Amino acid sequence: MNSAQHPSAKSLLNASRRDLAAVIVPLFLLAGCAPHKSSINGAASKGTPVAPMTATATPAGQKNKPAGKPFPDTFDWVPLFDGKTLTGWAISDFSGRGEVRVADGKLILGSGVMTGVTWTNDIPRMNFEVELEAMRVDGSDFFCGLTFPVGKDPCSLIVGGWGGGVVGISSLDGEDAANNETTKYLSFENGRWYKIRLRVMPAAIQAWIDNEKIVDVVTTDRKISIRIEVEPSVPFGIATWSTTGAMRNLRLRRI
């Protein structure tokens, strides 16, 4: 046969391309019309319930705490504990915390690594006084770690810390209750009630135990903060460390 009777290599290649296109194009069209199978985190949508994607969760410590009920517009004493329930309080999110309960008119914070309650309603941030009675029921460390606001900054009054006897403010210029000018060493008896009073003013923090002034510090131009362990107590809360503590007659007033 002569060359005219035999297709050239180029014509065969072009024919093959046309045939291949005739097969592939319909396949693409069919694929585009078929139901789409999507997946989230590797799970197919068909027959497998999948939760919708959400934004990255905010760490608990960074969430805005609820304002709750406004603090009464009065200069009278306002009770913060009714002696019967935890109304107005939430159990603080401490790791290794002990049991929290109310019994016989007392708020009892059971021994754990750290145990406490945090106030869930509005609270004055300046020019106020707090009073309560506190008891170390069992243990040998602080039975009243009272965290409170000083304007926009949190602060703590520690009663009976660092092995049982340290009292002071945590923290001033980065130094905690065991290492600043408010540090005092007192003896506390288990099973005895102590009356604690705290006053917060624009230029000073003062505190008394059984009517004896134990803190009187000028806070002007001072850096006020807390130890990171008590962050769950912010803005206002009470905690114990490896100790069972009891509280009663907790109240607050504007001054």
C-alpha atoms as a PDB file:
ATOM      1  CA  MET A   1       0.000   0.000   0.000  1.00  0.00           C
ATOM      2  CA  ASN A   2       1.222   3.534  -0.732  1.00  0.00           C
ATOM      3  CA  SER A   3       1.572   6.434   1.721  1.00  0.00           C
ATOM      4  CA  ALA A   4      -1.837   7.837   0.783  1.00  0.00           C
ATOM      5  CA  GLN A   5      -3.496   4.663   2.091  1.00  0.00           C
ATOM      6  CA  HIS A   6      -1.772   4.790   5.479  1.00  0.00           C
ATOM      7  CA  PRO A   7      -2.688   7.478   8.075  1.00  0.00           C
ATOM      8  CA  SER A   8       0.250   9.496   9.286  1.00  0.00           C
ATOM      9  CA  ALA A   9       1.481   9.349  12.895  1.00  0.00           C
ATOM     10  CA  LYS A  10       0.315  12.943  13.418  1.00  0.00           C
ATOM     11  CA  SER A  11      -3.225  12.191  12.261  1.00  0.00           C
ATOM     12  CA  LEU A  12      -3.392   9.137  14.530  1.00  0.00           C
ATOM     13  CA  LEU A  13      -2.278  11.227  17.508  1.00  0.00           C
ATOM     14  CA  ASN A  14      -4.907  13.888  16.817  1.00  0.00           C
ATOM     15  CA  ALA A  15      -7.610  11.231  16.489  1.00  0.00           C
ATOM     16  CA  SER A  16      -6.567   9.682  19.801  1.00  0.00           C
ATOM     17  CA  ARG A  17      -6.788  13.062  21.545  1.00  0.00           C
ATOM     18  CA  ARG A  18     -10.295  13.639  20.146  1.00  0.00           C
ATOM     19  CA  ASP A  19     -11.425  10.209  21.336  1.00  0.00           C
ATOM     20  CA  LEU A  20      -9.934  10.740  24.794  1.00  0.00           C
ATOM     21  CA  ALA A  21     -11.604  14.141  25.136  1.00  0.00           C
ATOM     22  CA  ALA A  22     -14.920  12.611  24.125  1.00  0.00           C
ATOM     23  CA  VAL A  23     -14.655  10.246  27.117  1.00  0.00           C
ATOM     24  CA  ILE A  24     -13.188  12.600  29.746  1.00  0.00           C
ATOM     25  CA  VAL A  25     -15.482  15.630  29.260  1.00  0.00           C
ATOM     26  CA  PRO A  26     -18.711  13.710  29.975  1.00  0.00           C
ATOM     27  CA  LEU A  27     -17.074  12.191  33.048  1.00  0.00           C
ATOM     28  CA  PHE A  28     -16.281  15.680  34.419  1.00  0.00           C
ATOM     29  CA  LEU A  29     -19.814  16.806  33.696  1.00  0.00           C
ATOM     30  CA  LEU A  30     -21.230  13.788  35.507  1.00  0.00           C
ATOM     31  CA  ALA A  31     -18.947  14.393  38.485  1.00  0.00           C
ATOM     32  CA  GLY A  32     -20.097  18.011  38.719  1.00  0.00           C
ATOM     33  CA  CYS A  33     -23.746  16.916  38.881  1.00  0.00           C
ATOM     34  CA  ALA A  34     -23.163  14.200  41.475  1.00  0.00           C
ATOM     35  CA  PRO A  35     -23.901  14.908  45.187  1.00  0.00           C
ATOM     36  CA  HIS A  36     -20.876  16.426  46.903  1.00  0.00           C
ATOM     37  CA  LYS A  37     -19.436  14.495  49.864  1.00  0.00           C
ATOM     38  CA  SER A  38     -17.822  16.921  52.267  1.00  0.00           C
ATOM     39  CA  SER A  39     -15.947  16.188  55.480  1.00  0.00           C
ATOM     40  CA  ILE A  40     -14.958  18.084  58.639  1.00  0.00           C
ATOM     41  CA  ASN A  41     -11.935  16.803  60.500  1.00  0.00           C
ATOM     42  CA  GLY A  42     -11.882  13.821  58.154  1.00  0.00           C
ATOM     43  CA  ALA A  43     -15.491  12.606  58.711  1.00  0.00           C
ATOM     44  CA  ALA A  44     -17.710  12.120  55.628  1.00  0.00           C
ATOM     45  CA  SER A  45     -21.035  13.905  55.701  1.00  0.00           C
ATOM     46  CA  LYS A  46     -23.044  10.954  54.315  1.00  0.00           C
ATOM     47  CA  GLY A  47     -24.461   8.945  57.221  1.00  0.00           C
ATOM     48  CA  THR A  48     -22.047  10.491  59.770  1.00  0.00           C
ATOM     49  CA  PRO A  49     -23.300  13.330  61.995  1.00  0.00           C
ATOM     50  CA  VAL A  50     -20.625  16.013  62.169  1.00  0.00           C
ATOM     51  CA  ALA A  51     -20.578  19.023  64.428  1.00  0.00           C
ATOM     52  CA  PRO A  52     -20.185  22.346  62.609  1.00  0.00           C
ATOM     53  CA  MET A  53     -16.848  24.071  62.757  1.00  0.00           C
ATOM     54  CA  THR A  54     -16.532  26.637  65.509  1.00  0.00           C
ATOM     55  CA  ALA A  55     -13.978  29.304  66.359  1.00  0.00           C
ATOM     56  CA  THR A  56     -11.170  28.421  68.709  1.00  0.00           C
ATOM     57  CA  ALA A  57     -12.433  28.385  72.292  1.00  0.00           C
ATOM     58  CA  THR A  58     -11.316  31.199  74.580  1.00  0.00           C
ATOM     59  CA  PRO A  59      -9.297  29.919  77.571  1.00  0.00           C
ATOM     60  CA  ALA A  60     -11.373  29.978  80.752  1.00  0.00           C
ATOM     61  CA  GLY A  61      -9.101  32.503  82.448  1.00  0.00           C
ATOM     62  CA  GLN A  62      -9.625  35.014  79.613  1.00  0.00           C
ATOM     63  CA  LYS A  63     -13.418  34.949  79.525  1.00  0.00           C
ATOM     64  CA  ASN A  64     -15.262  38.037  80.677  1.00  0.00           C
ATOM     65  CA  LYS A  65     -16.873  37.262  83.996  1.00  0.00           C
ATOM     66  CA  PRO A  66     -20.599  38.010  84.229  1.00  0.00           C
ATOM     67  CA  ALA A  67     -21.557  41.278  85.867  1.00  0.00           C
ATOM     68  CA  GLY A  68     -24.521  39.646  87.606  1.00  0.00           C
ATOM     69  CA  LYS A  69     -26.799  41.768  89.764  1.00  0.00           C
ATOM     70  CA  PRO A  70     -25.761  45.374  90.437  1.00  0.00           C
ATOM     71  CA  PHE A  71     -24.530  46.148  93.929  1.00  0.00           C
ATOM     72  CA  PRO A  72     -27.170  48.001  95.979  1.00  0.00           C
ATOM     73  CA  ASP A  73     -26.895  51.780  95.860  1.00  0.00           C
ATOM     74  CA  THR A  74     -26.435  52.231  99.599  1.00  0.00           C
ATOM     75  CA  PHE A  75     -23.775  52.917 102.211  1.00  0.00           C
ATOM     76  CA  ASP A  76     -25.334  50.400 104.600  1.00  0.00           C
ATOM     77  CA  TRP A  77     -23.815  47.003 105.199  1.00  0.00           C
ATOM     78  CA  VAL A  78     -24.904  44.490 102.527  1.00  0.00           C
ATOM     79  CA  PRO A  79     -24.796  40.763 103.448  1.00  0.00           C
ATOM     80  CA  LEU A  80     -22.927  38.631 100.900  1.00  0.00           C
ATOM     81  CA  PHE A  81     -23.723  35.233 102.448  1.00  0.00           C
ATOM     82  CA  ASP A  82     -27.188  34.210 103.629  1.00  0.00           C
ATOM     83  CA  GLY A  83     -25.946  31.379 105.851  1.00  0.00           C
ATOM     84  CA  LYS A  84     -28.103  28.840 104.010  1.00  0.00           C
ATOM     85  CA  THR A  85     -27.089  28.649 100.354  1.00  0.00           C
ATOM     86  CA  LEU A  86     -24.363  29.608  97.886  1.00  0.00           C
ATOM     87  CA  THR A  87     -26.612  32.233  96.305  1.00  0.00           C
ATOM     88  CA  GLY A  88     -24.401  34.841  94.654  1.00  0.00           C
ATOM     89  CA  TRP A  89     -21.356  32.564  94.703  1.00  0.00           C
ATOM     90  CA  ALA A  90     -19.728  30.071  92.344  1.00  0.00           C
ATOM     91  CA  ILE A  91     -17.239  27.395  93.318  1.00  0.00           C
ATOM     92  CA  SER A  92     -13.854  28.664  92.143  1.00  0.00           C
ATOM     93  CA  ASP A  93     -12.227  26.668  89.374  1.00  0.00           C
ATOM     94  CA  PHE A  94      -9.139  25.544  91.276  1.00  0.00           C
ATOM     95  CA  SER A  95      -7.459  22.321  90.244  1.00  0.00           C
ATOM     96  CA  GLY A  96      -7.512  19.770  93.069  1.00  0.00           C
ATOM     97  CA  ARG A  97     -10.121  21.693  95.033  1.00  0.00           C
ATOM     98  CA  GLY A  98     -11.890  20.266  98.057  1.00  0.00           C
ATOM     99  CA  GLU A  99     -15.588  20.146  98.851  1.00  0.00           C
ATOM    100  CA  VAL A 100     -17.560  23.378  99.243  1.00  0.00           C
ATOM    101  CA  ARG A 101     -20.707  23.266 101.369  1.00  0.00           C
ATOM    102  CA  VAL A 102     -22.965  25.284 103.639  1.00  0.00           C
ATOM    103  CA  ALA A 103     -23.812  23.969 107.098  1.00  0.00           C
ATOM    104  CA  ASP A 104     -25.064  25.511 110.338  1.00  0.00           C
ATOM    105  CA  GLY A 105     -24.799  29.050 109.008  1.00  0.00           C
ATOM    106  CA  LYS A 106     -21.206  28.553 107.844  1.00  0.00           C
ATOM    107  CA  LEU A 107     -19.593  28.493 104.418  1.00  0.00           C
ATOM    108  CA  ILE A 108     -17.123  25.601 104.602  1.00  0.00           C
ATOM    109  CA  LEU A 109     -14.199  25.274 102.195  1.00  0.00           C
ATOM    110  CA  GLY A 110     -12.873  21.728 102.447  1.00  0.00           C
ATOM    111  CA  SER A 111      -9.206  20.908 102.338  1.00  0.00           C
ATOM    112  CA  GLY A 112      -7.767  20.495  98.855  1.00  0.00           C
ATOM    113  CA  VAL A 113      -4.836  21.903  96.942  1.00  0.00           C
ATOM    114  CA  MET A 114      -6.825  25.124  96.876  1.00  0.00           C
ATOM    115  CA  THR A 115     -10.546  25.558  97.514  1.00  0.00           C
ATOM    116  CA  GLY A 116     -12.690  28.657  97.226  1.00  0.00           C
ATOM    117  CA  VAL A 117     -15.771  30.535  96.100  1.00  0.00           C
ATOM    118  CA  THR A 118     -16.042  33.534  93.777  1.00  0.00           C
ATOM    119  CA  TRP A 119     -18.685  36.255  93.922  1.00  0.00           C
ATOM    120  CA  THR A 120     -20.808  36.326  90.750  1.00  0.00           C
ATOM    121  CA  ASN A 121     -22.523  39.712  91.115  1.00  0.00           C
ATOM    122  CA  ASP A 122     -21.296  43.289  90.863  1.00  0.00           C
ATOM    123  CA  ILE A 123     -19.041  44.599  93.614  1.00  0.00           C
ATOM    124  CA  PRO A 124     -17.595  48.057  94.381  1.00  0.00           C
ATOM    125  CA  ARG A 125     -14.056  48.464  93.058  1.00  0.00           C
ATOM    126  CA  MET A 126     -12.942  51.264  95.373  1.00  0.00           C
ATOM    127  CA  ASN A 127     -13.953  52.936  98.655  1.00  0.00           C
ATOM    128  CA  PHE A 128     -15.421  49.927 100.423  1.00  0.00           C
ATOM    129  CA  GLU A 129     -15.048  47.773 103.529  1.00  0.00           C
ATOM    130  CA  VAL A 130     -15.437  43.999 103.899  1.00  0.00           C
ATOM    131  CA  GLU A 131     -16.072  42.165 107.154  1.00  0.00           C
ATOM    132  CA  LEU A 132     -16.255  38.460 107.902  1.00  0.00           C
ATOM    133  CA  GLU A 133     -15.448  35.890 110.526  1.00  0.00           C
ATOM    134  CA  ALA A 134     -13.097  33.094 109.528  1.00  0.00           C
ATOM    135  CA  MET A 135     -11.880  29.926 111.220  1.00  0.00           C
ATOM    136  CA  ARG A 136      -9.195  27.390 110.438  1.00  0.00           C
ATOM    137  CA  VAL A 137     -11.088  24.156 111.062  1.00  0.00           C
ATOM    138  CA  ASP A 138      -8.268  21.817 110.169  1.00  0.00           C
ATOM    139  CA  GLY A 139      -4.873  22.111 108.509  1.00  0.00           C
ATOM    140  CA  SER A 140      -1.885  24.402 108.809  1.00  0.00           C
ATOM    141  CA  ASP A 141      -1.972  26.958 106.016  1.00  0.00           C
ATOM    142  CA  PHE A 142      -4.081  29.950 105.067  1.00  0.00           C
ATOM    143  CA  PHE A 143      -7.734  29.686 106.006  1.00  0.00           C
ATOM    144  CA  CYS A 144      -8.710  33.027 104.491  1.00  0.00           C
ATOM    145  CA  GLY A 145      -7.291  34.179 101.189  1.00  0.00           C
ATOM    146  CA  LEU A 146      -9.533  37.156 100.468  1.00  0.00           C
ATOM    147  CA  THR A 147      -9.175  38.436  96.903  1.00  0.00           C
ATOM    148  CA  PHE A 148     -10.659  41.855  96.193  1.00  0.00           C
ATOM    149  CA  PRO A 149     -10.522  44.680  93.627  1.00  0.00           C
ATOM    150  CA  VAL A 150      -8.419  47.824  94.002  1.00  0.00           C
ATOM    151  CA  GLY A 151      -9.835  49.826  91.136  1.00  0.00           C
ATOM    152  CA  LYS A 152      -9.036  47.808  88.017  1.00  0.00           C
ATOM    153  CA  ASP A 153      -6.418  45.637  89.749  1.00  0.00           C
ATOM    154  CA  PRO A 154      -6.964  42.509  91.862  1.00  0.00           C
ATOM    155  CA  CYS A 155      -5.250  42.021  95.227  1.00  0.00           C
ATOM    156  CA  SER A 156      -5.363  39.497  98.083  1.00  0.00           C
ATOM    157  CA  LEU A 157      -5.248  39.550 101.865  1.00  0.00           C
ATOM    158  CA  ILE A 158      -3.657  36.314 103.097  1.00  0.00           C
ATOM    159  CA  VAL A 159      -4.394  35.169 106.649  1.00  0.00           C
ATOM    160  CA  GLY A 160      -2.374  32.265 108.038  1.00  0.00           C
ATOM    161  CA  GLY A 161      -0.247  31.385 105.010  1.00  0.00           C
ATOM    162  CA  TRP A 162       3.242  29.957 104.479  1.00  0.00           C
ATOM    163  CA  GLY A 163       2.947  27.248 107.098  1.00  0.00           C
ATOM    164  CA  GLY A 164       0.264  28.873 109.222  1.00  0.00           C
ATOM    165  CA  GLY A 165       1.347  32.279 110.503  1.00  0.00           C
ATOM    166  CA  VAL A 166       1.935  34.757 107.679  1.00  0.00           C
ATOM    167  CA  VAL A 167      -0.465  37.662 107.214  1.00  0.00           C
ATOM    168  CA  GLY A 168      -0.101  40.281 104.506  1.00  0.00           C
ATOM    169  CA  ILE A 169      -1.036  41.679 101.113  1.00  0.00           C
ATOM    170  CA  SER A 170      -0.295  39.827  97.871  1.00  0.00           C
ATOM    171  CA  SER A 171       1.121  41.462  95.903  1.00  0.00           C
ATOM    172  CA  LEU A 172       2.845  44.860  96.020  1.00  0.00           C
ATOM    173  CA  ASP A 173       5.338  45.669  93.277  1.00  0.00           C
ATOM    174  CA  GLY A 174       5.479  41.958  92.488  1.00  0.00           C
ATOM    175  CA  GLU A 175       6.264  40.881  96.063  1.00  0.00           C
ATOM    176  CA  ASP A 176       3.749  38.612  97.798  1.00  0.00           C
ATOM    177  CA  ALA A 177       2.460  38.576 101.379  1.00  0.00           C
ATOM    178  CA  ALA A 178       5.564  36.812 102.663  1.00  0.00           C
ATOM    179  CA  ASN A 179       7.993  39.267 101.090  1.00  0.00           C
ATOM    180  CA  ASN A 180       6.788  42.862 101.391  1.00  0.00           C
ATOM    181  CA  GLU A 181       6.357  45.501 104.095  1.00  0.00           C
ATOM    182  CA  THR A 182       2.904  44.195 105.082  1.00  0.00           C
ATOM    183  CA  THR A 183       4.274  40.813 106.202  1.00  0.00           C
ATOM    184  CA  LYS A 184       3.420  39.860 109.773  1.00  0.00           C
ATOM    185  CA  TYR A 185       3.665  36.616 111.718  1.00  0.00           C
ATOM    186  CA  LEU A 186       0.734  35.726 113.964  1.00  0.00           C
ATOM    187  CA  SER A 187      -0.400  32.621 115.790  1.00  0.00           C
ATOM    188  CA  PHE A 188      -3.802  31.195 114.846  1.00  0.00           C
ATOM    189  CA  GLU A 189      -5.667  28.506 116.748  1.00  0.00           C
ATOM    190  CA  ASN A 190      -7.671  25.860 114.915  1.00  0.00           C
ATOM    191  CA  GLY A 191     -11.325  25.946 115.851  1.00  0.00           C
ATOM    192  CA  ARG A 192     -11.396  29.631 116.793  1.00  0.00           C
ATOM    193  CA  TRP A 193     -13.245  32.409 114.980  1.00  0.00           C
ATOM    194  CA  TYR A 194     -11.291  35.505 113.911  1.00  0.00           C
ATOM    195  CA  LYS A 195     -12.978  38.726 112.852  1.00  0.00           C
ATOM    196  CA  ILE A 196     -11.380  40.122 109.696  1.00  0.00           C
ATOM    197  CA  ARG A 197     -11.995  43.597 108.291  1.00  0.00           C
ATOM    198  CA  LEU A 198     -10.556  45.064 105.102  1.00  0.00           C
ATOM    199  CA  ARG A 199     -10.755  48.654 103.827  1.00  0.00           C
ATOM    200  CA  VAL A 200      -9.863  49.731 100.274  1.00  0.00           C
ATOM    201  CA  MET A 201      -9.321  53.423  99.484  1.00  0.00           C
ATOM    202  CA  PRO A 202      -7.731  55.231  96.525  1.00  0.00           C
ATOM    203  CA  ALA A 203      -4.384  55.689  98.297  1.00  0.00           C
ATOM    204  CA  ALA A 204      -4.315  52.902 100.900  1.00  0.00           C
ATOM    205  CA  ILE A 205      -5.290  49.372 101.916  1.00  0.00           C
ATOM    206  CA  GLN A 206      -5.957  48.658 105.580  1.00  0.00           C
ATOM    207  CA  ALA A 207      -6.892  45.473 107.416  1.00  0.00           C
ATOM    208  CA  TRP A 208      -7.705  44.399 110.960  1.00  0.00           C
ATOM    209  CA  ILE A 209      -7.919  41.064 112.758  1.00  0.00           C
ATOM    210  CA  ASP A 210      -9.952  41.126 115.970  1.00  0.00           C
ATOM    211  CA  ASN A 211      -9.803  44.951 115.915  1.00  0.00           C
ATOM    212  CA  GLU A 212      -5.992  44.978 115.744  1.00  0.00           C
ATOM    213  CA  LYS A 213      -4.723  46.779 112.657  1.00  0.00           C
ATOM    214  CA  ILE A 214      -2.393  44.439 110.815  1.00  0.00           C
ATOM    215  CA  VAL A 215      -2.126  46.189 107.419  1.00  0.00           C
ATOM    216  CA  ASP A 216      -1.845  49.916 106.685  1.00  0.00           C
ATOM    217  CA  VAL A 217      -0.062  50.443 103.402  1.00  0.00           C
ATOM    218  CA  VAL A 218       0.028  53.395 100.999  1.00  0.00           C
ATOM    219  CA  THR A 219      -0.701  52.202  97.483  1.00  0.00           C
ATOM    220  CA  THR A 220      -0.014  55.391  95.525  1.00  0.00           C
ATOM    221  CA  ASP A 221       2.312  54.614  92.588  1.00  0.00           C
ATOM    222  CA  ARG A 222       2.487  50.945  93.624  1.00  0.00           C
ATOM    223  CA  LYS A 223       1.926  48.007  91.310  1.00  0.00           C
ATOM    224  CA  ILE A 224      -0.934  45.969  92.759  1.00  0.00           C
ATOM    225  CA  SER A 225      -1.473  42.383  91.646  1.00  0.00           C
ATOM    226  CA  ILE A 226      -2.167  38.812  92.757  1.00  0.00           C
ATOM    227  CA  ARG A 227      -0.288  35.553  92.665  1.00  0.00           C
ATOM    228  CA  ILE A 228      -1.349  33.596  89.601  1.00  0.00           C
ATOM    229  CA  GLU A 229      -2.712  30.732  91.750  1.00  0.00           C
ATOM    230  CA  VAL A 230      -5.657  32.825  92.933  1.00  0.00           C
ATOM    231  CA  GLU A 231      -6.769  34.004  89.487  1.00  0.00           C
ATOM    232  CA  PRO A 232     -10.066  32.030  89.756  1.00  0.00           C
ATOM    233  CA  SER A 233     -11.003  34.220  92.766  1.00  0.00           C
ATOM    234  CA  VAL A 234     -11.040  37.441  90.699  1.00  0.00           C
ATOM    235  CA  PRO A 235     -12.699  39.893  91.126  1.00  0.00           C
ATOM    236  CA  PHE A 236     -13.862  38.962  94.630  1.00  0.00           C
ATOM    237  CA  GLY A 237     -13.501  35.625  96.348  1.00  0.00           C
ATOM    238  CA  ILE A 238     -12.317  33.623  99.340  1.00  0.00           C
ATOM    239  CA  ALA A 239     -10.020  30.612  99.276  1.00  0.00           C
ATOM    240  CA  THR A 240      -8.039  28.227 101.476  1.00  0.00           C
ATOM    241  CA  TRP A 241      -4.806  26.347 100.825  1.00  0.00           C
ATOM    242  CA  SER A 242      -4.467  22.687 101.928  1.00  0.00           C
ATOM    243  CA  THR A 243      -6.717  23.644 104.830  1.00  0.00           C
ATOM    244  CA  THR A 244     -10.363  23.373 105.783  1.00  0.00           C
ATOM    245  CA  GLY A 245     -11.733  26.825 106.548  1.00  0.00           C
ATOM    246  CA  ALA A 246     -15.117  28.202 107.584  1.00  0.00           C
ATOM    247  CA  MET A 247     -16.615  31.658 107.050  1.00  0.00           C
ATOM    248  CA  ARG A 248     -19.692  33.434 108.358  1.00  0.00           C
ATOM    249  CA  ASN A 249     -21.187  36.932 108.702  1.00  0.00           C
ATOM    250  CA  LEU A 250     -19.670  38.107 105.426  1.00  0.00           C
ATOM    251  CA  ARG A 251     -20.768  41.611 104.454  1.00  0.00           C
ATOM    252  CA  LEU A 252     -19.619  44.663 102.493  1.00  0.00           C
ATOM    253  CA  ARG A 253     -20.380  48.389 102.469  1.00  0.00           C
ATOM    254  CA  ARG A 254     -19.361  51.466 100.546  1.00  0.00           C
ATOM    255  CA  ILE A 255     -17.413  54.142 102.431  1.00  0.00           C
END
